[in-house]
Amino acid sequence: MPRHRSSATLLKAVAALSALLGAPLPAQQLGFSAAMIEPSPGIRITGPGQLRVPITIRVRRGYHINSDKPNDPYLIPTRLSWPDVVPLRVESVIYPPAEEVKYDFSDKPLSVYSSRVEIMTTFLVESIPADMGELRGSFRFQACNDKACLPPKTLPVRVPVRR
């Protein structure tokens, strides 16, 4: 068998295996994200009590992300999570009102966010942290346009804690 044929066969097999295993699309390999988290100016923890921390998300033009309460159970909701932020305790995470948008591919309107989204977290500060440099969380979403949805994605959230 000529060498170029076996190389072509091998290339086809690798491509088929990648498709079966759900390999990332070229845009994802380049770091494409239909949504991004705006850098936070940071927070100052002055004492026990409530602390409000806004997180701003920018959604690329032409895309939307599902709201925190999508209209269909199979859609992946937007979630902002804050695991283990001791000595702070998450009191609430407030999402903005969603847009109800009708697309050709759906029989009913979808509950989505687009453009700019601000999510507000209220923490209960139990004591002033001695050496906390930043709050760390995660933002999970699924972005779609009017034709298709991208795979769900989770981005790290970092909020500097200023002294």
C-alpha atoms as a PDB file:
ATOM      1  CA  MET A   1       0.000   0.000   0.000  1.00  0.00           C
ATOM      2  CA  PRO A   2       1.481   3.415  -0.916  1.00  0.00           C
ATOM      3  CA  ARG A   3       2.491   5.608   2.012  1.00  0.00           C
ATOM      4  CA  HIS A   4       0.148   8.506   1.130  1.00  0.00           C
ATOM      5  CA  ARG A   5      -2.878   6.218   1.217  1.00  0.00           C
ATOM      6  CA  SER A   6      -2.099   4.892   4.700  1.00  0.00           C
ATOM      7  CA  SER A   7      -1.533   8.465   5.940  1.00  0.00           C
ATOM      8  CA  ALA A   8      -4.869   9.546   4.480  1.00  0.00           C
ATOM      9  CA  THR A   9      -6.581   6.530   6.033  1.00  0.00           C
ATOM     10  CA  LEU A  10      -4.984   7.271   9.391  1.00  0.00           C
ATOM     11  CA  LEU A  11      -6.034  10.926   9.168  1.00  0.00           C
ATOM     12  CA  LYS A  12      -9.629   9.904   8.413  1.00  0.00           C
ATOM     13  CA  ALA A  13      -9.627   7.485  11.365  1.00  0.00           C
ATOM     14  CA  VAL A  14      -8.305  10.168  13.735  1.00  0.00           C
ATOM     15  CA  ALA A  15     -10.939  12.632  12.493  1.00  0.00           C
ATOM     16  CA  ALA A  16     -13.722  10.064  12.966  1.00  0.00           C
ATOM     17  CA  LEU A  17     -12.482   9.169  16.461  1.00  0.00           C
ATOM     18  CA  SER A  18     -12.282  12.850  17.408  1.00  0.00           C
ATOM     19  CA  ALA A  19     -15.859  13.365  16.229  1.00  0.00           C
ATOM     20  CA  LEU A  20     -17.049  10.377  18.264  1.00  0.00           C
ATOM     21  CA  LEU A  21     -15.260  11.565  21.391  1.00  0.00           C
ATOM     22  CA  GLY A  22     -16.662  15.056  21.078  1.00  0.00           C
ATOM     23  CA  ALA A  23     -13.411  16.840  20.331  1.00  0.00           C
ATOM     24  CA  PRO A  24     -13.597  20.622  20.608  1.00  0.00           C
ATOM     25  CA  LEU A  25     -14.487  22.666  17.586  1.00  0.00           C
ATOM     26  CA  PRO A  26     -11.682  24.774  16.056  1.00  0.00           C
ATOM     27  CA  ALA A  27     -13.156  27.971  17.558  1.00  0.00           C
ATOM     28  CA  GLN A  28     -13.080  26.400  21.021  1.00  0.00           C
ATOM     29  CA  GLN A  29      -9.477  25.335  20.511  1.00  0.00           C
ATOM     30  CA  LEU A  30      -8.610  28.989  19.920  1.00  0.00           C
ATOM     31  CA  GLY A  31     -10.226  29.986  23.221  1.00  0.00           C
ATOM     32  CA  PHE A  32     -13.475  31.300  21.734  1.00  0.00           C
ATOM     33  CA  SER A  33     -16.139  32.131  24.278  1.00  0.00           C
ATOM     34  CA  ALA A  34     -19.509  33.660  23.470  1.00  0.00           C
ATOM     35  CA  ALA A  35     -19.528  35.196  26.963  1.00  0.00           C
ATOM     36  CA  MET A  36     -16.828  36.731  29.117  1.00  0.00           C
ATOM     37  CA  ILE A  37     -16.590  38.015  32.664  1.00  0.00           C
ATOM     38  CA  GLU A  38     -15.592  41.653  32.994  1.00  0.00           C
ATOM     39  CA  PRO A  39     -12.655  42.157  35.354  1.00  0.00           C
ATOM     40  CA  SER A  40     -13.802  43.160  38.817  1.00  0.00           C
ATOM     41  CA  PRO A  41     -12.405  46.311  40.428  1.00  0.00           C
ATOM     42  CA  GLY A  42     -12.346  44.338  43.664  1.00  0.00           C
ATOM     43  CA  ILE A  43     -14.035  44.584  47.026  1.00  0.00           C
ATOM     44  CA  ARG A  44     -13.087  45.746  50.480  1.00  0.00           C
ATOM     45  CA  ILE A  45     -14.226  43.757  53.520  1.00  0.00           C
ATOM     46  CA  THR A  46     -14.542  46.210  56.405  1.00  0.00           C
ATOM     47  CA  GLY A  47     -16.283  44.135  59.029  1.00  0.00           C
ATOM     48  CA  PRO A  48     -19.031  41.651  59.829  1.00  0.00           C
ATOM     49  CA  GLY A  49     -22.351  42.103  58.014  1.00  0.00           C
ATOM     50  CA  GLN A  50     -23.572  41.923  54.428  1.00  0.00           C
ATOM     51  CA  LEU A  51     -21.313  42.357  51.419  1.00  0.00           C
ATOM     52  CA  ARG A  52     -22.745  42.818  47.911  1.00  0.00           C
ATOM     53  CA  VAL A  53     -20.558  41.684  45.003  1.00  0.00           C
ATOM     54  CA  PRO A  54     -21.641  42.373  41.408  1.00  0.00           C
ATOM     55  CA  ILE A  55     -20.345  40.212  38.560  1.00  0.00           C
ATOM     56  CA  THR A  56     -20.794  41.551  35.032  1.00  0.00           C
ATOM     57  CA  ILE A  57     -20.997  39.234  32.034  1.00  0.00           C
ATOM     58  CA  ARG A  58     -20.668  40.368  28.417  1.00  0.00           C
ATOM     59  CA  VAL A  59     -22.375  38.199  25.792  1.00  0.00           C
ATOM     60  CA  ARG A  60     -21.048  38.493  22.233  1.00  0.00           C
ATOM     61  CA  ARG A  61     -23.281  40.079  19.633  1.00  0.00           C
ATOM     62  CA  GLY A  62     -25.348  37.444  17.858  1.00  0.00           C
ATOM     63  CA  TYR A  63     -25.347  35.087  20.867  1.00  0.00           C
ATOM     64  CA  HIS A  64     -27.486  34.631  23.955  1.00  0.00           C
ATOM     65  CA  ILE A  65     -27.106  32.501  27.066  1.00  0.00           C
ATOM     66  CA  ASN A  66     -29.923  30.676  28.793  1.00  0.00           C
ATOM     67  CA  SER A  67     -31.291  32.452  31.846  1.00  0.00           C
ATOM     68  CA  ASP A  68     -31.019  31.031  35.349  1.00  0.00           C
ATOM     69  CA  LYS A  69     -34.562  29.660  34.850  1.00  0.00           C
ATOM     70  CA  PRO A  70     -34.856  28.410  31.244  1.00  0.00           C
ATOM     71  CA  ASN A  71     -38.344  27.672  29.895  1.00  0.00           C
ATOM     72  CA  ASP A  72     -37.489  24.068  29.020  1.00  0.00           C
ATOM     73  CA  PRO A  73     -35.999  21.533  31.453  1.00  0.00           C
ATOM     74  CA  TYR A  74     -33.460  20.267  28.892  1.00  0.00           C
ATOM     75  CA  LEU A  75     -31.807  23.701  28.575  1.00  0.00           C
ATOM     76  CA  ILE A  76     -28.750  24.374  30.724  1.00  0.00           C
ATOM     77  CA  PRO A  77     -29.313  27.259  33.153  1.00  0.00           C
ATOM     78  CA  THR A  78     -26.823  30.032  33.836  1.00  0.00           C
ATOM     79  CA  ARG A  79     -25.236  29.555  37.288  1.00  0.00           C
ATOM     80  CA  LEU A  80     -22.864  31.616  39.391  1.00  0.00           C
ATOM     81  CA  SER A  81     -21.330  29.498  42.174  1.00  0.00           C
ATOM     82  CA  TRP A  82     -19.118  30.365  45.130  1.00  0.00           C
ATOM     83  CA  PRO A  83     -17.748  27.210  46.764  1.00  0.00           C
ATOM     84  CA  ASP A  84     -15.896  27.508  50.078  1.00  0.00           C
ATOM     85  CA  VAL A  85     -15.450  31.240  50.603  1.00  0.00           C
ATOM     86  CA  VAL A  86     -14.900  30.978  54.365  1.00  0.00           C
ATOM     87  CA  PRO A  87     -15.295  33.189  56.436  1.00  0.00           C
ATOM     88  CA  LEU A  88     -17.984  34.458  54.059  1.00  0.00           C
ATOM     89  CA  ARG A  89     -21.307  32.732  53.512  1.00  0.00           C
ATOM     90  CA  VAL A  90     -23.404  33.128  50.364  1.00  0.00           C
ATOM     91  CA  GLU A  91     -26.717  34.630  51.377  1.00  0.00           C
ATOM     92  CA  SER A  92     -28.196  35.082  47.881  1.00  0.00           C
ATOM     93  CA  VAL A  93     -27.368  35.168  44.189  1.00  0.00           C
ATOM     94  CA  ILE A  94     -29.742  37.473  42.299  1.00  0.00           C
ATOM     95  CA  TYR A  95     -30.018  37.144  38.532  1.00  0.00           C
ATOM     96  CA  PRO A  96     -31.540  39.918  36.421  1.00  0.00           C
ATOM     97  CA  PRO A  97     -34.894  39.555  34.678  1.00  0.00           C
ATOM     98  CA  ALA A  98     -34.521  37.503  31.503  1.00  0.00           C
ATOM     99  CA  GLU A  99     -35.611  38.373  27.988  1.00  0.00           C
ATOM    100  CA  GLU A 100     -38.288  36.196  26.396  1.00  0.00           C
ATOM    101  CA  VAL A 101     -37.157  35.722  22.782  1.00  0.00           C
ATOM    102  CA  LYS A 102     -38.809  33.645  20.048  1.00  0.00           C
ATOM    103  CA  TYR A 103     -36.518  31.808  17.635  1.00  0.00           C
ATOM    104  CA  ASP A 104     -37.521  29.843  14.538  1.00  0.00           C
ATOM    105  CA  PHE A 105     -36.181  26.587  15.984  1.00  0.00           C
ATOM    106  CA  SER A 106     -38.404  26.711  19.087  1.00  0.00           C
ATOM    107  CA  ASP A 107     -42.176  26.498  19.453  1.00  0.00           C
ATOM    108  CA  LYS A 108     -42.167  28.799  22.469  1.00  0.00           C
ATOM    109  CA  PRO A 109     -40.050  31.776  23.518  1.00  0.00           C
ATOM    110  CA  LEU A 110     -36.760  31.136  25.285  1.00  0.00           C
ATOM    111  CA  SER A 111     -35.749  32.794  28.547  1.00  0.00           C
ATOM    112  CA  VAL A 112     -32.310  34.265  27.778  1.00  0.00           C
ATOM    113  CA  TYR A 113     -29.719  36.904  28.573  1.00  0.00           C
ATOM    114  CA  SER A 114     -27.829  38.847  25.936  1.00  0.00           C
ATOM    115  CA  SER A 115     -25.464  41.796  25.683  1.00  0.00           C
ATOM    116  CA  ARG A 116     -24.645  42.746  29.311  1.00  0.00           C
ATOM    117  CA  VAL A 117     -25.744  40.799  32.389  1.00  0.00           C
ATOM    118  CA  GLU A 118     -25.114  41.751  36.016  1.00  0.00           C
ATOM    119  CA  ILE A 119     -25.466  39.086  38.683  1.00  0.00           C
ATOM    120  CA  MET A 120     -25.435  40.242  42.304  1.00  0.00           C
ATOM    121  CA  THR A 121     -24.220  38.029  45.140  1.00  0.00           C
ATOM    122  CA  THR A 122     -24.817  38.963  48.760  1.00  0.00           C
ATOM    123  CA  PHE A 123     -22.396  37.413  51.218  1.00  0.00           C
ATOM    124  CA  LEU A 124     -22.698  37.360  54.973  1.00  0.00           C
ATOM    125  CA  VAL A 125     -19.330  38.303  56.457  1.00  0.00           C
ATOM    126  CA  GLU A 126     -18.925  36.407  59.711  1.00  0.00           C
ATOM    127  CA  SER A 127     -15.449  37.718  60.500  1.00  0.00           C
ATOM    128  CA  ILE A 128     -12.796  39.744  58.715  1.00  0.00           C
ATOM    129  CA  PRO A 129     -10.514  37.391  56.774  1.00  0.00           C
ATOM    130  CA  ALA A 130      -6.849  37.727  57.690  1.00  0.00           C
ATOM    131  CA  ASP A 131      -5.225  36.951  54.370  1.00  0.00           C
ATOM    132  CA  MET A 132      -7.915  36.518  51.715  1.00  0.00           C
ATOM    133  CA  GLY A 133      -6.493  37.744  48.400  1.00  0.00           C
ATOM    134  CA  GLU A 134      -9.527  37.089  46.240  1.00  0.00           C
ATOM    135  CA  LEU A 135     -12.967  35.528  46.106  1.00  0.00           C
ATOM    136  CA  ARG A 136     -13.081  32.585  43.716  1.00  0.00           C
ATOM    137  CA  GLY A 137     -16.166  31.242  42.050  1.00  0.00           C
ATOM    138  CA  SER A 138     -17.342  29.795  38.768  1.00  0.00           C
ATOM    139  CA  PHE A 139     -19.749  30.876  36.072  1.00  0.00           C
ATOM    140  CA  ARG A 140     -21.469  28.113  34.048  1.00  0.00           C
ATOM    141  CA  PHE A 141     -23.516  28.869  30.953  1.00  0.00           C
ATOM    142  CA  GLN A 142     -24.509  27.632  27.530  1.00  0.00           C
ATOM    143  CA  ALA A 143     -24.355  30.075  24.649  1.00  0.00           C
ATOM    144  CA  CYS A 144     -26.417  29.794  21.476  1.00  0.00           C
ATOM    145  CA  ASN A 145     -27.139  31.831  18.407  1.00  0.00           C
ATOM    146  CA  ASP A 146     -30.206  31.589  16.174  1.00  0.00           C
ATOM    147  CA  LYS A 147     -28.874  28.412  14.504  1.00  0.00           C
ATOM    148  CA  ALA A 148     -27.022  26.286  17.076  1.00  0.00           C
ATOM    149  CA  CYS A 149     -25.776  25.997  20.636  1.00  0.00           C
ATOM    150  CA  LEU A 150     -22.176  25.707  21.763  1.00  0.00           C
ATOM    151  CA  PRO A 151     -21.239  23.132  24.411  1.00  0.00           C
ATOM    152  CA  PRO A 152     -21.738  24.314  28.009  1.00  0.00           C
ATOM    153  CA  LYS A 153     -18.780  26.203  29.429  1.00  0.00           C
ATOM    154  CA  THR A 154     -17.535  27.101  32.905  1.00  0.00           C
ATOM    155  CA  LEU A 155     -15.377  30.177  33.459  1.00  0.00           C
ATOM    156  CA  PRO A 156     -13.454  31.018  36.629  1.00  0.00           C
ATOM    157  CA  VAL A 157     -14.626  34.080  38.575  1.00  0.00           C
ATOM    158  CA  ARG A 158     -12.059  36.064  40.537  1.00  0.00           C
ATOM    159  CA  VAL A 159     -12.764  39.137  42.624  1.00  0.00           C
ATOM    160  CA  PRO A 160      -9.760  40.809  44.252  1.00  0.00           C
ATOM    161  CA  VAL A 161     -10.079  41.569  47.952  1.00  0.00           C
ATOM    162  CA  ARG A 162      -8.429  44.950  48.654  1.00  0.00           C
ATOM    163  CA  ARG A 163      -7.060  45.967  52.033  1.00  0.00           C
END
